[in-house]
């Protein structure tokens, strides 16, 4: 089994990383990717965007004296593929039985795939 949590969005070449993960798994091995994602509910999505881009960097400045890192966090989350796109990327890399489970309204999603 391979697990990665809140890290795939920081990988430059996600397709290559997924292919490498598939390569090292034994047949029947599983990949679990826990990552920030896109809430399907438009109202929640707007609230979450407002929080991420307006409040989170201010909290980072207040508590860590580092607004830039928290701004990057919000931007990296928005640039990361949504649930369906990431699932398709996993399928294109060769994973089978792919699916995902939204948590916290889709703010976070757990993706699963199996090496055939």
PDB file of N, CA and C in Angstrom:
ATOM      1  N   UNK A   1       0.839  -1.170   0.000  1.00  0.00           N
ATOM      2  CA  UNK A   1       0.000   0.000   0.000  1.00  0.00           C
ATOM      3  C   UNK A   1       0.890   1.241   0.000  1.00  0.00           C
ATOM      4  N   UNK A   2       0.446   2.235  -0.731  1.00  0.00           N
ATOM      5  CA  UNK A   2       1.083   3.551  -0.720  1.00  0.00           C
ATOM      6  C   UNK A   2       0.036   4.549  -0.248  1.00  0.00           C
ATOM      7  N   UNK A   3       0.446   5.402   0.680  1.00  0.00           N
ATOM      8  CA  UNK A   3      -0.427   6.482   1.118  1.00  0.00           C
ATOM      9  C   UNK A   3       0.322   7.799   0.973  1.00  0.00           C
ATOM     10  N   UNK A   4      -0.420   8.834   0.628  1.00  0.00           N
ATOM     11  CA  UNK A   4       0.127  10.188   0.601  1.00  0.00           C
ATOM     12  C   UNK A   4      -0.994  11.107   1.058  1.00  0.00           C
ATOM     13  N   UNK A   5      -0.669  11.978   1.995  1.00  0.00           N
ATOM     14  CA  UNK A   5      -1.679  12.874   2.554  1.00  0.00           C
ATOM     15  C   UNK A   5      -1.201  14.315   2.459  1.00  0.00           C
ATOM     16  N   UNK A   6      -1.981  15.119   1.782  1.00  0.00           N
ATOM     17  CA  UNK A   6      -1.728  16.547   1.654  1.00  0.00           C
ATOM     18  C   UNK A   6      -0.343  16.833   1.078  1.00  0.00           C
ATOM     19  N   UNK A   7       0.076  15.992   0.137  1.00  0.00           N
ATOM     20  CA  UNK A   7       1.382  16.173  -0.473  1.00  0.00           C
ATOM     21  C   UNK A   7       1.365  16.126  -1.985  1.00  0.00           C
ATOM     22  N   UNK A   8       0.401  15.416  -2.571  1.00  0.00           N
ATOM     23  CA  UNK A   8       0.380  15.282  -4.031  1.00  0.00           C
ATOM     24  C   UNK A   8       0.232  16.635  -4.709  1.00  0.00           C
ATOM     25  N   UNK A   9      -0.486  17.557  -4.092  1.00  0.00           N
ATOM     26  CA  UNK A   9      -0.666  18.868  -4.725  1.00  0.00           C
ATOM     27  C   UNK A   9       0.644  19.626  -4.851  1.00  0.00           C
ATOM     28  N   UNK A  10       1.675  19.241  -4.079  1.00  0.00           N
ATOM     29  CA  UNK A  10       2.980  19.904  -4.153  1.00  0.00           C
ATOM     30  C   UNK A  10       3.927  19.230  -5.134  1.00  0.00           C
ATOM     31  N   UNK A  11       3.486  18.158  -5.767  1.00  0.00           N
ATOM     32  CA  UNK A  11       4.306  17.438  -6.743  1.00  0.00           C
ATOM     33  C   UNK A  11       4.164  18.126  -8.093  1.00  0.00           C
ATOM     34  N   UNK A  12       5.289  18.428  -8.728  1.00  0.00           N
ATOM     35  CA  UNK A  12       5.269  19.150 -10.003  1.00  0.00           C
ATOM     36  C   UNK A  12       4.651  18.317 -11.118  1.00  0.00           C
ATOM     37  N   UNK A  13       5.067  17.066 -11.256  1.00  0.00           N
ATOM     38  CA  UNK A  13       4.562  16.196 -12.316  1.00  0.00           C
ATOM     39  C   UNK A  13       3.723  15.082 -11.681  1.00  0.00           C
ATOM     40  N   UNK A  14       2.462  15.384 -11.484  1.00  0.00           N
ATOM     41  CA  UNK A  14       1.560  14.432 -10.822  1.00  0.00           C
ATOM     42  C   UNK A  14       1.380  13.149 -11.629  1.00  0.00           C
ATOM     43  N   UNK A  15       1.325  13.265 -12.950  1.00  0.00           N
ATOM     44  CA  UNK A  15       1.162  12.072 -13.789  1.00  0.00           C
ATOM     45  C   UNK A  15       2.345  11.124 -13.618  1.00  0.00           C
ATOM     46  N   UNK A  16       3.540  11.673 -13.627  1.00  0.00           N
ATOM     47  CA  UNK A  16       4.731  10.844 -13.446  1.00  0.00           C
ATOM     48  C   UNK A  16       4.739  10.219 -12.045  1.00  0.00           C
ATOM     49  N   UNK A  17       4.357  10.982 -11.042  1.00  0.00           N
ATOM     50  CA  UNK A  17       4.330  10.458  -9.670  1.00  0.00           C
ATOM     51  C   UNK A  17       3.338   9.306  -9.556  1.00  0.00           C
ATOM     52  N   UNK A  18       2.170   9.449 -10.166  1.00  0.00           N
ATOM     53  CA  UNK A  18       1.174   8.377 -10.101  1.00  0.00           C
ATOM     54  C   UNK A  18       1.667   7.123 -10.826  1.00  0.00           C
ATOM     55  N   UNK A  19       2.314   7.297 -11.971  1.00  0.00           N
ATOM     56  CA  UNK A  19       2.872   6.142 -12.690  1.00  0.00           C
ATOM     57  C   UNK A  19       3.956   5.462 -11.854  1.00  0.00           C
ATOM     58  N   UNK A  20       4.774   6.243 -11.169  1.00  0.00           N
ATOM     59  CA  UNK A  20       5.823   5.674 -10.315  1.00  0.00           C
ATOM     60  C   UNK A  20       5.223   4.918  -9.141  1.00  0.00           C
ATOM     61  N   UNK A  21       4.156   5.453  -8.582  1.00  0.00           N
ATOM     62  CA  UNK A  21       3.488   4.765  -7.480  1.00  0.00           C
ATOM     63  C   UNK A  21       2.929   3.428  -7.955  1.00  0.00           C
ATOM     64  N   UNK A  22       2.325   3.430  -9.138  1.00  0.00           N
ATOM     65  CA  UNK A  22       1.797   2.183  -9.696  1.00  0.00           C
ATOM     66  C   UNK A  22       2.920   1.183  -9.925  1.00  0.00           C
ATOM     67  N   UNK A  23       4.052   1.663 -10.433  1.00  0.00           N
ATOM     68  CA  UNK A  23       5.179   0.793 -10.761  1.00  0.00           C
ATOM     69  C   UNK A  23       5.684   0.034  -9.537  1.00  0.00           C
ATOM     70  N   UNK A  24       5.752   0.685  -8.386  1.00  0.00           N
ATOM     71  CA  UNK A  24       6.343   0.038  -7.209  1.00  0.00           C
ATOM     72  C   UNK A  24       5.360  -0.826  -6.418  1.00  0.00           C
ATOM     73  N   UNK A  25       4.081  -0.691  -6.714  1.00  0.00           N
ATOM     74  CA  UNK A  25       3.093  -1.534  -6.030  1.00  0.00           C
ATOM     75  C   UNK A  25       3.098  -2.947  -6.601  1.00  0.00           C
ATOM     76  N   UNK A  26       2.811  -3.921  -5.756  1.00  0.00           N
ATOM     77  CA  UNK A  26       2.591  -5.287  -6.221  1.00  0.00           C
ATOM     78  C   UNK A  26       1.184  -5.364  -6.793  1.00  0.00           C
ATOM     79  N   UNK A  27       0.902  -6.324  -7.672  1.00  0.00           N
ATOM     80  CA  UNK A  27      -0.475  -6.497  -8.151  1.00  0.00           C
ATOM     81  C   UNK A  27      -1.430  -6.641  -6.958  1.00  0.00           C
ATOM     82  N   UNK A  28      -2.516  -5.919  -7.022  1.00  0.00           N
ATOM     83  CA  UNK A  28      -3.478  -5.896  -5.918  1.00  0.00           C
ATOM     84  C   UNK A  28      -3.165  -4.847  -4.867  1.00  0.00           C
ATOM     85  N   UNK A  29      -1.988  -4.204  -5.013  1.00  0.00           N
ATOM     86  CA  UNK A  29      -1.613  -3.149  -4.068  1.00  0.00           C
ATOM     87  C   UNK A  29      -2.493  -1.925  -4.244  1.00  0.00           C
ATOM     88  N   UNK A  30      -2.649  -1.178  -3.175  1.00  0.00           N
ATOM     89  CA  UNK A  30      -3.567  -0.035  -3.181  1.00  0.00           C
ATOM     90  C   UNK A  30      -2.825   1.281  -2.997  1.00  0.00           C
ATOM     91  N   UNK A  31      -3.374   2.316  -3.630  1.00  0.00           N
ATOM     92  CA  UNK A  31      -2.925   3.696  -3.448  1.00  0.00           C
ATOM     93  C   UNK A  31      -4.057   4.462  -2.784  1.00  0.00           C
ATOM     94  N   UNK A  32      -3.720   5.185  -1.711  1.00  0.00           N
ATOM     95  CA  UNK A  32      -4.662   6.078  -1.050  1.00  0.00           C
ATOM     96  C   UNK A  32      -4.086   7.485  -1.077  1.00  0.00           C
ATOM     97  N   UNK A  33      -4.849   8.420  -1.615  1.00  0.00           N
ATOM     98  CA  UNK A  33      -4.426   9.818  -1.695  1.00  0.00           C
ATOM     99  C   UNK A  33      -5.445  10.662  -0.939  1.00  0.00           C
ATOM    100  N   UNK A  34      -5.007  11.255   0.160  1.00  0.00           N
ATOM    101  CA  UNK A  34      -5.846  12.178   0.921  1.00  0.00           C
ATOM    102  C   UNK A  34      -5.377  13.580   0.582  1.00  0.00           C
ATOM    103  N   UNK A  35      -6.284  14.393   0.060  1.00  0.00           N
ATOM    104  CA  UNK A  35      -5.858  15.709  -0.417  1.00  0.00           C
ATOM    105  C   UNK A  35      -7.008  16.700  -0.351  1.00  0.00           C
ATOM    106  N   UNK A  36      -6.655  17.967  -0.185  1.00  0.00           N
ATOM    107  CA  UNK A  36      -7.653  19.021  -0.313  1.00  0.00           C
ATOM    108  C   UNK A  36      -8.268  18.923  -1.696  1.00  0.00           C
ATOM    109  N   UNK A  37      -9.548  19.290  -1.811  1.00  0.00           N
ATOM    110  CA  UNK A  37     -10.224  19.148  -3.085  1.00  0.00           C
ATOM    111  C   UNK A  37     -11.205  20.289  -3.291  1.00  0.00           C
ATOM    112  N   UNK A  38     -12.211  20.054  -4.119  1.00  0.00           N
ATOM    113  CA  UNK A  38     -13.159  21.103  -4.493  1.00  0.00           C
ATOM    114  C   UNK A  38     -14.562  20.744  -3.986  1.00  0.00           C
ATOM    115  N   UNK A  39     -15.126  21.547  -3.099  1.00  0.00           N
ATOM    116  CA  UNK A  39     -16.489  21.276  -2.643  1.00  0.00           C
ATOM    117  C   UNK A  39     -17.481  21.372  -3.803  1.00  0.00           C
ATOM    118  N   UNK A  40     -18.320  20.353  -3.999  1.00  0.00           N
ATOM    119  CA  UNK A  40     -19.298  20.417  -5.089  1.00  0.00           C
ATOM    120  C   UNK A  40     -20.424  21.424  -4.834  1.00  0.00           C
ATOM    121  N   UNK A  41     -20.680  21.748  -3.582  1.00  0.00           N
ATOM    122  CA  UNK A  41     -21.719  22.721  -3.241  1.00  0.00           C
ATOM    123  C   UNK A  41     -21.175  24.128  -3.480  1.00  0.00           C
ATOM    124  N   UNK A  42     -21.837  24.893  -4.344  1.00  0.00           N
ATOM    125  CA  UNK A  42     -21.349  26.222  -4.734  1.00  0.00           C
ATOM    126  C   UNK A  42     -21.265  27.188  -3.553  1.00  0.00           C
ATOM    127  N   UNK A  43     -22.229  27.134  -2.650  1.00  0.00           N
ATOM    128  CA  UNK A  43     -22.206  28.031  -1.496  1.00  0.00           C
ATOM    129  C   UNK A  43     -21.013  27.701  -0.598  1.00  0.00           C
ATOM    130  N   UNK A  44     -20.823  26.417  -0.292  1.00  0.00           N
ATOM    131  CA  UNK A  44     -19.681  26.018   0.527  1.00  0.00           C
ATOM    132  C   UNK A  44     -18.370  26.381  -0.166  1.00  0.00           C
ATOM    133  N   UNK A  45     -18.317  26.212  -1.473  1.00  0.00           N
ATOM    134  CA  UNK A  45     -17.118  26.537  -2.234  1.00  0.00           C
ATOM    135  C   UNK A  45     -16.779  28.024  -2.107  1.00  0.00           C
ATOM    136  N   UNK A  46     -17.778  28.889  -2.197  1.00  0.00           N
ATOM    137  CA  UNK A  46     -17.540  30.338  -2.082  1.00  0.00           C
ATOM    138  C   UNK A  46     -17.098  30.712  -0.672  1.00  0.00           C
ATOM    139  N   UNK A  47     -17.717  30.104   0.326  1.00  0.00           N
ATOM    140  CA  UNK A  47     -17.332  30.374   1.715  1.00  0.00           C
ATOM    141  C   UNK A  47     -15.891  29.905   1.949  1.00  0.00           C
ATOM    142  N   UNK A  48     -15.580  28.718   1.450  1.00  0.00           N
ATOM    143  CA  UNK A  48     -14.245  28.160   1.621  1.00  0.00           C
ATOM    144  C   UNK A  48     -13.191  29.006   0.900  1.00  0.00           C
ATOM    145  N   UNK A  49     -13.498  29.478  -0.300  1.00  0.00           N
ATOM    146  CA  UNK A  49     -12.576  30.365  -1.017  1.00  0.00           C
ATOM    147  C   UNK A  49     -12.349  31.661  -0.239  1.00  0.00           C
ATOM    148  N   UNK A  50     -13.424  32.222   0.284  1.00  0.00           N
ATOM    149  CA  UNK A  50     -13.294  33.448   1.071  1.00  0.00           C
ATOM    150  C   UNK A  50     -12.404  33.244   2.278  1.00  0.00           C
ATOM    151  N   UNK A  51     -12.612  32.134   2.969  1.00  0.00           N
ATOM    152  CA  UNK A  51     -11.782  31.807   4.131  1.00  0.00           C
ATOM    153  C   UNK A  51     -10.325  31.597   3.708  1.00  0.00           C
ATOM    154  N   UNK A  52     -10.122  30.805   2.656  1.00  0.00           N
ATOM    155  CA  UNK A  52      -8.772  30.431   2.234  1.00  0.00           C
ATOM    156  C   UNK A  52      -7.933  31.623   1.792  1.00  0.00           C
ATOM    157  N   UNK A  53      -8.561  32.541   1.056  1.00  0.00           N
ATOM    158  CA  UNK A  53      -7.793  33.638   0.479  1.00  0.00           C
ATOM    159  C   UNK A  53      -7.806  34.907   1.313  1.00  0.00           C
ATOM    160  N   UNK A  54      -8.772  35.044   2.212  1.00  0.00           N
ATOM    161  CA  UNK A  54      -8.867  36.280   2.987  1.00  0.00           C
ATOM    162  C   UNK A  54      -8.528  36.112   4.462  1.00  0.00           C
ATOM    163  N   UNK A  55      -8.969  35.030   5.055  1.00  0.00           N
ATOM    164  CA  UNK A  55      -8.765  34.846   6.499  1.00  0.00           C
ATOM    165  C   UNK A  55      -7.511  34.038   6.792  1.00  0.00           C
ATOM    166  N   UNK A  56      -7.300  32.933   6.076  1.00  0.00           N
ATOM    167  CA  UNK A  56      -6.166  32.048   6.350  1.00  0.00           C
ATOM    168  C   UNK A  56      -4.815  32.770   6.297  1.00  0.00           C
ATOM    169  N   UNK A  57      -4.520  33.580   5.267  1.00  0.00           N
ATOM    170  CA  UNK A  57      -3.233  34.292   5.274  1.00  0.00           C
ATOM    171  C   UNK A  57      -3.090  35.259   6.457  1.00  0.00           C
ATOM    172  N   UNK A  58      -4.183  35.862   6.874  1.00  0.00           N
ATOM    173  CA  UNK A  58      -4.126  36.768   8.033  1.00  0.00           C
ATOM    174  C   UNK A  58      -3.833  35.991   9.311  1.00  0.00           C
ATOM    175  N   UNK A  59      -4.437  34.807   9.443  1.00  0.00           N
ATOM    176  CA  UNK A  59      -4.132  33.968  10.599  1.00  0.00           C
ATOM    177  C   UNK A  59      -2.671  33.521  10.574  1.00  0.00           C
ATOM    178  N   UNK A  60      -2.167  33.195   9.383  1.00  0.00           N
ATOM    179  CA  UNK A  60      -0.760  32.828   9.241  1.00  0.00           C
ATOM    180  C   UNK A  60       0.156  33.965   9.656  1.00  0.00           C
ATOM    181  N   UNK A  61      -0.209  35.174   9.285  1.00  0.00           N
ATOM    182  CA  UNK A  61       0.580  36.347   9.674  1.00  0.00           C
ATOM    183  C   UNK A  61       0.523  36.552  11.185  1.00  0.00           C
ATOM    184  N   UNK A  62      -0.656  36.411  11.766  1.00  0.00           N
ATOM    185  CA  UNK A  62      -0.847  36.644  13.188  1.00  0.00           C
ATOM    186  C   UNK A  62      -0.118  35.607  14.044  1.00  0.00           C
ATOM    187  N   UNK A  63      -0.269  34.325  13.695  1.00  0.00           N
ATOM    188  CA  UNK A  63       0.255  33.268  14.563  1.00  0.00           C
ATOM    189  C   UNK A  63       1.644  32.768  14.175  1.00  0.00           C
ATOM    190  N   UNK A  64       1.998  32.866  12.917  1.00  0.00           N
ATOM    191  CA  UNK A  64       3.301  32.336  12.477  1.00  0.00           C
ATOM    192  C   UNK A  64       4.188  33.405  11.849  1.00  0.00           C
ATOM    193  N   UNK A  65       3.674  34.626  11.775  1.00  0.00           N
ATOM    194  CA  UNK A  65       4.385  35.726  11.118  1.00  0.00           C
ATOM    195  C   UNK A  65       4.792  35.335   9.697  1.00  0.00           C
ATOM    196  N   UNK A  66       3.865  34.641   9.002  1.00  0.00           N
ATOM    197  CA  UNK A  66       4.169  34.105   7.665  1.00  0.00           C
ATOM    198  C   UNK A  66       2.900  34.028   6.820  1.00  0.00           C
ATOM    199  N   UNK A  67       2.436  35.149   6.343  1.00  0.00           N
ATOM    200  CA  UNK A  67       1.237  35.163   5.507  1.00  0.00           C
ATOM    201  C   UNK A  67       1.486  34.502   4.159  1.00  0.00           C
ATOM    202  N   UNK A  68       2.703  34.610   3.624  1.00  0.00           N
ATOM    203  CA  UNK A  68       3.000  34.082   2.290  1.00  0.00           C
ATOM    204  C   UNK A  68       2.808  32.575   2.199  1.00  0.00           C
ATOM    205  N   UNK A  69       3.250  31.838   3.209  1.00  0.00           N
ATOM    206  CA  UNK A  69       3.088  30.377   3.181  1.00  0.00           C
ATOM    207  C   UNK A  69       1.621  29.986   3.179  1.00  0.00           C
ATOM    208  N   UNK A  70       0.807  30.725   3.893  1.00  0.00           N
ATOM    209  CA  UNK A  70      -0.615  30.413   3.946  1.00  0.00           C
ATOM    210  C   UNK A  70      -1.327  30.864   2.673  1.00  0.00           C
ATOM    211  N   UNK A  71      -0.823  31.890   2.033  1.00  0.00           N
ATOM    212  CA  UNK A  71      -1.336  32.280   0.720  1.00  0.00           C
ATOM    213  C   UNK A  71      -1.011  31.190  -0.300  1.00  0.00           C
ATOM    214  N   UNK A  72       0.234  30.674  -0.236  1.00  0.00           N
ATOM    215  CA  UNK A  72       0.627  29.573  -1.115  1.00  0.00           C
ATOM    216  C   UNK A  72      -0.266  28.359  -0.885  1.00  0.00           C
ATOM    217  N   UNK A  73      -0.557  28.048   0.368  1.00  0.00           N
ATOM    218  CA  UNK A  73      -1.419  26.918   0.682  1.00  0.00           C
ATOM    219  C   UNK A  73      -2.757  27.056  -0.042  1.00  0.00           C
ATOM    220  N   UNK A  74      -3.373  28.208   0.063  1.00  0.00           N
ATOM    221  CA  UNK A  74      -4.665  28.432  -0.604  1.00  0.00           C
ATOM    222  C   UNK A  74      -4.529  28.303  -2.121  1.00  0.00           C
ATOM    223  N   UNK A  75      -3.467  28.859  -2.679  1.00  0.00           N
ATOM    224  CA  UNK A  75      -3.276  28.797  -4.126  1.00  0.00           C
ATOM    225  C   UNK A  75      -2.996  27.370  -4.594  1.00  0.00           C
ATOM    226  N   UNK A  76      -2.197  26.621  -3.845  1.00  0.00           N
ATOM    227  CA  UNK A  76      -1.878  25.244  -4.248  1.00  0.00           C
ATOM    228  C   UNK A  76      -3.116  24.360  -4.190  1.00  0.00           C
ATOM    229  N   UNK A  77      -3.991  24.624  -3.242  1.00  0.00           N
ATOM    230  CA  UNK A  77      -5.243  23.863  -3.155  1.00  0.00           C
ATOM    231  C   UNK A  77      -6.105  24.148  -4.378  1.00  0.00           C
ATOM    232  N   UNK A  78      -6.189  25.402  -4.783  1.00  0.00           N
ATOM    233  CA  UNK A  78      -7.035  25.761  -5.925  1.00  0.00           C
ATOM    234  C   UNK A  78      -6.469  25.242  -7.236  1.00  0.00           C
ATOM    235  N   UNK A  79      -5.153  25.077  -7.329  1.00  0.00           N
ATOM    236  CA  UNK A  79      -4.546  24.607  -8.574  1.00  0.00           C
ATOM    237  C   UNK A  79      -4.565  23.081  -8.678  1.00  0.00           C
ATOM    238  N   UNK A  80      -4.802  22.403  -7.564  1.00  0.00           N
ATOM    239  CA  UNK A  80      -4.827  20.939  -7.559  1.00  0.00           C
ATOM    240  C   UNK A  80      -6.080  20.452  -8.299  1.00  0.00           C
ATOM    241  N   UNK A  81      -5.969  19.343  -9.036  1.00  0.00           N
ATOM    242  CA  UNK A  81      -7.132  18.832  -9.782  1.00  0.00           C
ATOM    243  C   UNK A  81      -8.318  18.506  -8.868  1.00  0.00           C
ATOM    244  N   UNK A  82      -9.520  18.702  -9.393  1.00  0.00           N
ATOM    245  CA  UNK A  82     -10.707  18.338  -8.621  1.00  0.00           C
ATOM    246  C   UNK A  82     -10.834  16.813  -8.551  1.00  0.00           C
ATOM    247  N   UNK A  83     -11.849  16.348  -7.853  1.00  0.00           N
ATOM    248  CA  UNK A  83     -12.008  14.927  -7.580  1.00  0.00           C
ATOM    249  C   UNK A  83     -12.060  14.084  -8.862  1.00  0.00           C
ATOM    250  N   UNK A  84     -12.897  14.471  -9.786  1.00  0.00           N
ATOM    251  CA  UNK A  84     -13.068  13.683 -11.016  1.00  0.00           C
ATOM    252  C   UNK A  84     -11.793  13.699 -11.862  1.00  0.00           C
ATOM    253  N   UNK A  85     -11.127  14.847 -11.918  1.00  0.00           N
ATOM    254  CA  UNK A  85      -9.903  14.954 -12.709  1.00  0.00           C
ATOM    255  C   UNK A  85      -8.808  14.077 -12.115  1.00  0.00           C
ATOM    256  N   UNK A  86      -8.641  14.132 -10.791  1.00  0.00           N
ATOM    257  CA  UNK A  86      -7.614  13.307 -10.161  1.00  0.00           C
ATOM    258  C   UNK A  86      -7.925  11.820 -10.330  1.00  0.00           C
ATOM    259  N   UNK A  87      -9.185  11.459 -10.221  1.00  0.00           N
ATOM    260  CA  UNK A  87      -9.556  10.064 -10.439  1.00  0.00           C
ATOM    261  C   UNK A  87      -9.206   9.643 -11.869  1.00  0.00           C
ATOM    262  N   UNK A  88      -9.459  10.499 -12.840  1.00  0.00           N
ATOM    263  CA  UNK A  88      -9.095  10.214 -14.226  1.00  0.00           C
ATOM    264  C   UNK A  88      -7.587  10.102 -14.411  1.00  0.00           C
ATOM    265  N   UNK A  89      -6.832  10.927 -13.712  1.00  0.00           N
ATOM    266  CA  UNK A  89      -5.370  10.850 -13.783  1.00  0.00           C
ATOM    267  C   UNK A  89      -4.877   9.509 -13.236  1.00  0.00           C
ATOM    268  N   UNK A  90      -5.505   9.050 -12.172  1.00  0.00           N
ATOM    269  CA  UNK A  90      -5.137   7.754 -11.603  1.00  0.00           C
ATOM    270  C   UNK A  90      -5.451   6.633 -12.588  1.00  0.00           C
ATOM    271  N   UNK A  91      -6.603   6.713 -13.236  1.00  0.00           N
ATOM    272  CA  UNK A  91      -6.970   5.705 -14.245  1.00  0.00           C
ATOM    273  C   UNK A  91      -5.995   5.741 -15.416  1.00  0.00           C
ATOM    274  N   UNK A  92      -5.635   6.932 -15.875  1.00  0.00           N
ATOM    275  CA  UNK A  92      -4.685   7.067 -16.985  1.00  0.00           C
ATOM    276  C   UNK A  92      -3.310   6.516 -16.624  1.00  0.00           C
ATOM    277  N   UNK A  93      -2.960   6.592 -15.341  1.00  0.00           N
ATOM    278  CA  UNK A  93      -1.681   6.047 -14.889  1.00  0.00           C
ATOM    279  C   UNK A  93      -1.705   4.524 -14.835  1.00  0.00           C
ATOM    280  N   UNK A  94      -2.909   3.933 -14.891  1.00  0.00           N
ATOM    281  CA  UNK A  94      -3.020   2.477 -14.895  1.00  0.00           C
ATOM    282  C   UNK A  94      -3.734   1.882 -13.699  1.00  0.00           C
ATOM    283  N   UNK A  95      -4.194   2.723 -12.771  1.00  0.00           N
ATOM    284  CA  UNK A  95      -4.915   2.190 -11.617  1.00  0.00           C
ATOM    285  C   UNK A  95      -6.310   1.721 -12.010  1.00  0.00           C
ATOM    286  N   UNK A  96      -6.778   0.682 -11.328  1.00  0.00           N
ATOM    287  CA  UNK A  96      -8.119   0.131 -11.544  1.00  0.00           C
ATOM    288  C   UNK A  96      -8.958   0.386 -10.293  1.00  0.00           C
ATOM    289  N   UNK A  97     -10.250   0.179 -10.439  1.00  0.00           N
ATOM    290  CA  UNK A  97     -11.192   0.321  -9.315  1.00  0.00           C
ATOM    291  C   UNK A  97     -11.012   1.658  -8.590  1.00  0.00           C
ATOM    292  N   UNK A  98     -10.792   2.717  -9.344  1.00  0.00           N
ATOM    293  CA  UNK A  98     -10.584   4.026  -8.732  1.00  0.00           C
ATOM    294  C   UNK A  98     -11.908   4.601  -8.252  1.00  0.00           C
ATOM    295  N   UNK A  99     -11.834   5.291  -7.146  1.00  0.00           N
ATOM    296  CA  UNK A  99     -12.988   6.038  -6.654  1.00  0.00           C
ATOM    297  C   UNK A  99     -12.476   7.075  -5.667  1.00  0.00           C
ATOM    298  N   UNK A 100     -13.400   7.873  -5.154  1.00  0.00           N
ATOM    299  CA  UNK A 100     -13.039   8.846  -4.129  1.00  0.00           C
ATOM    300  C   UNK A 100     -14.212   9.022  -3.182  1.00  0.00           C
ATOM    301  N   UNK A 101     -13.893   9.485  -2.005  1.00  0.00           N
ATOM    302  CA  UNK A 101     -14.892   9.744  -0.974  1.00  0.00           C
ATOM    303  C   UNK A 101     -14.672  11.163  -0.463  1.00  0.00           C
ATOM    304  N   UNK A 102     -15.677  12.023  -0.638  1.00  0.00           N
ATOM    305  CA  UNK A 102     -15.581  13.395  -0.146  1.00  0.00           C
ATOM    306  C   UNK A 102     -15.742  13.429   1.371  1.00  0.00           C
ATOM    307  N   UNK A 103     -14.945  14.261   2.000  1.00  0.00           N
ATOM    308  CA  UNK A 103     -15.059  14.517   3.439  1.00  0.00           C
ATOM    309  C   UNK A 103     -15.191  16.026   3.630  1.00  0.00           C
ATOM    310  N   UNK A 104     -15.772  16.402   4.731  1.00  0.00           N
ATOM    311  CA  UNK A 104     -16.014  17.823   5.045  1.00  0.00           C
ATOM    312  C   UNK A 104     -16.575  18.562   3.829  1.00  0.00           C
ATOM    313  N   UNK A 105     -17.598  17.986   3.236  1.00  0.00           N
ATOM    314  CA  UNK A 105     -18.284  18.632   2.125  1.00  0.00           C
ATOM    315  C   UNK A 105     -17.478  18.703   0.845  1.00  0.00           C
ATOM    316  N   UNK A 106     -16.405  17.916   0.746  1.00  0.00           N
ATOM    317  CA  UNK A 106     -15.574  17.942  -0.450  1.00  0.00           C
ATOM    318  C   UNK A 106     -14.353  18.837  -0.314  1.00  0.00           C
ATOM    319  N   UNK A 107     -14.188  19.467   0.839  1.00  0.00           N
ATOM    320  CA  UNK A 107     -12.979  20.248   1.071  1.00  0.00           C
ATOM    321  C   UNK A 107     -11.774  19.326   1.038  1.00  0.00           C
ATOM    322  N   UNK A 108     -11.980  18.101   1.503  1.00  0.00           N
ATOM    323  CA  UNK A 108     -10.960  17.058   1.468  1.00  0.00           C
ATOM    324  C   UNK A 108     -11.582  15.827   0.814  1.00  0.00           C
ATOM    325  N   UNK A 109     -10.789  15.080   0.039  1.00  0.00           N
ATOM    326  CA  UNK A 109     -11.271  13.852  -0.573  1.00  0.00           C
ATOM    327  C   UNK A 109     -10.206  12.760  -0.433  1.00  0.00           C
ATOM    328  N   UNK A 110     -10.676  11.544  -0.212  1.00  0.00           N
ATOM    329  CA  UNK A 110      -9.807  10.379  -0.179  1.00  0.00           C
ATOM    330  C   UNK A 110      -9.997   9.618  -1.481  1.00  0.00           C
ATOM    331  N   UNK A 111      -8.925   9.523  -2.275  1.00  0.00           N
ATOM    332  CA  UNK A 111      -8.931   8.801  -3.541  1.00  0.00           C
ATOM    333  C   UNK A 111      -8.316   7.436  -3.330  1.00  0.00           C
ATOM    334  N   UNK A 112      -8.884   6.431  -4.027  1.00  0.00           N
ATOM    335  CA  UNK A 112      -8.380   5.067  -3.921  1.00  0.00           C
ATOM    336  C   UNK A 112      -8.212   4.480  -5.315  1.00  0.00           C
ATOM    337  N   UNK A 113      -7.178   3.661  -5.440  1.00  0.00           N
ATOM    338  CA  UNK A 113      -6.946   2.925  -6.680  1.00  0.00           C
ATOM    339  C   UNK A 113      -6.174   1.654  -6.383  1.00  0.00           C
ATOM    340  N   UNK A 114      -6.295   0.685  -7.285  1.00  0.00           N
ATOM    341  CA  UNK A 114      -5.664  -0.621  -7.107  1.00  0.00           C
ATOM    342  C   UNK A 114      -4.821  -0.925  -8.338  1.00  0.00           C
ATOM    343  N   UNK A 115      -3.631  -1.513  -8.105  1.00  0.00           N
ATOM    344  CA  UNK A 115      -2.830  -1.962  -9.228  1.00  0.00           C
ATOM    345  C   UNK A 115      -3.412  -3.282  -9.716  1.00  0.00           C
ATOM    346  N   UNK A 116      -3.773  -3.341 -11.009  1.00  0.00           N
ATOM    347  CA  UNK A 116      -4.369  -4.591 -11.530  1.00  0.00           C
ATOM    348  C   UNK A 116      -3.381  -5.763 -11.467  1.00  0.00           C
TER     349      UNK A 116
END
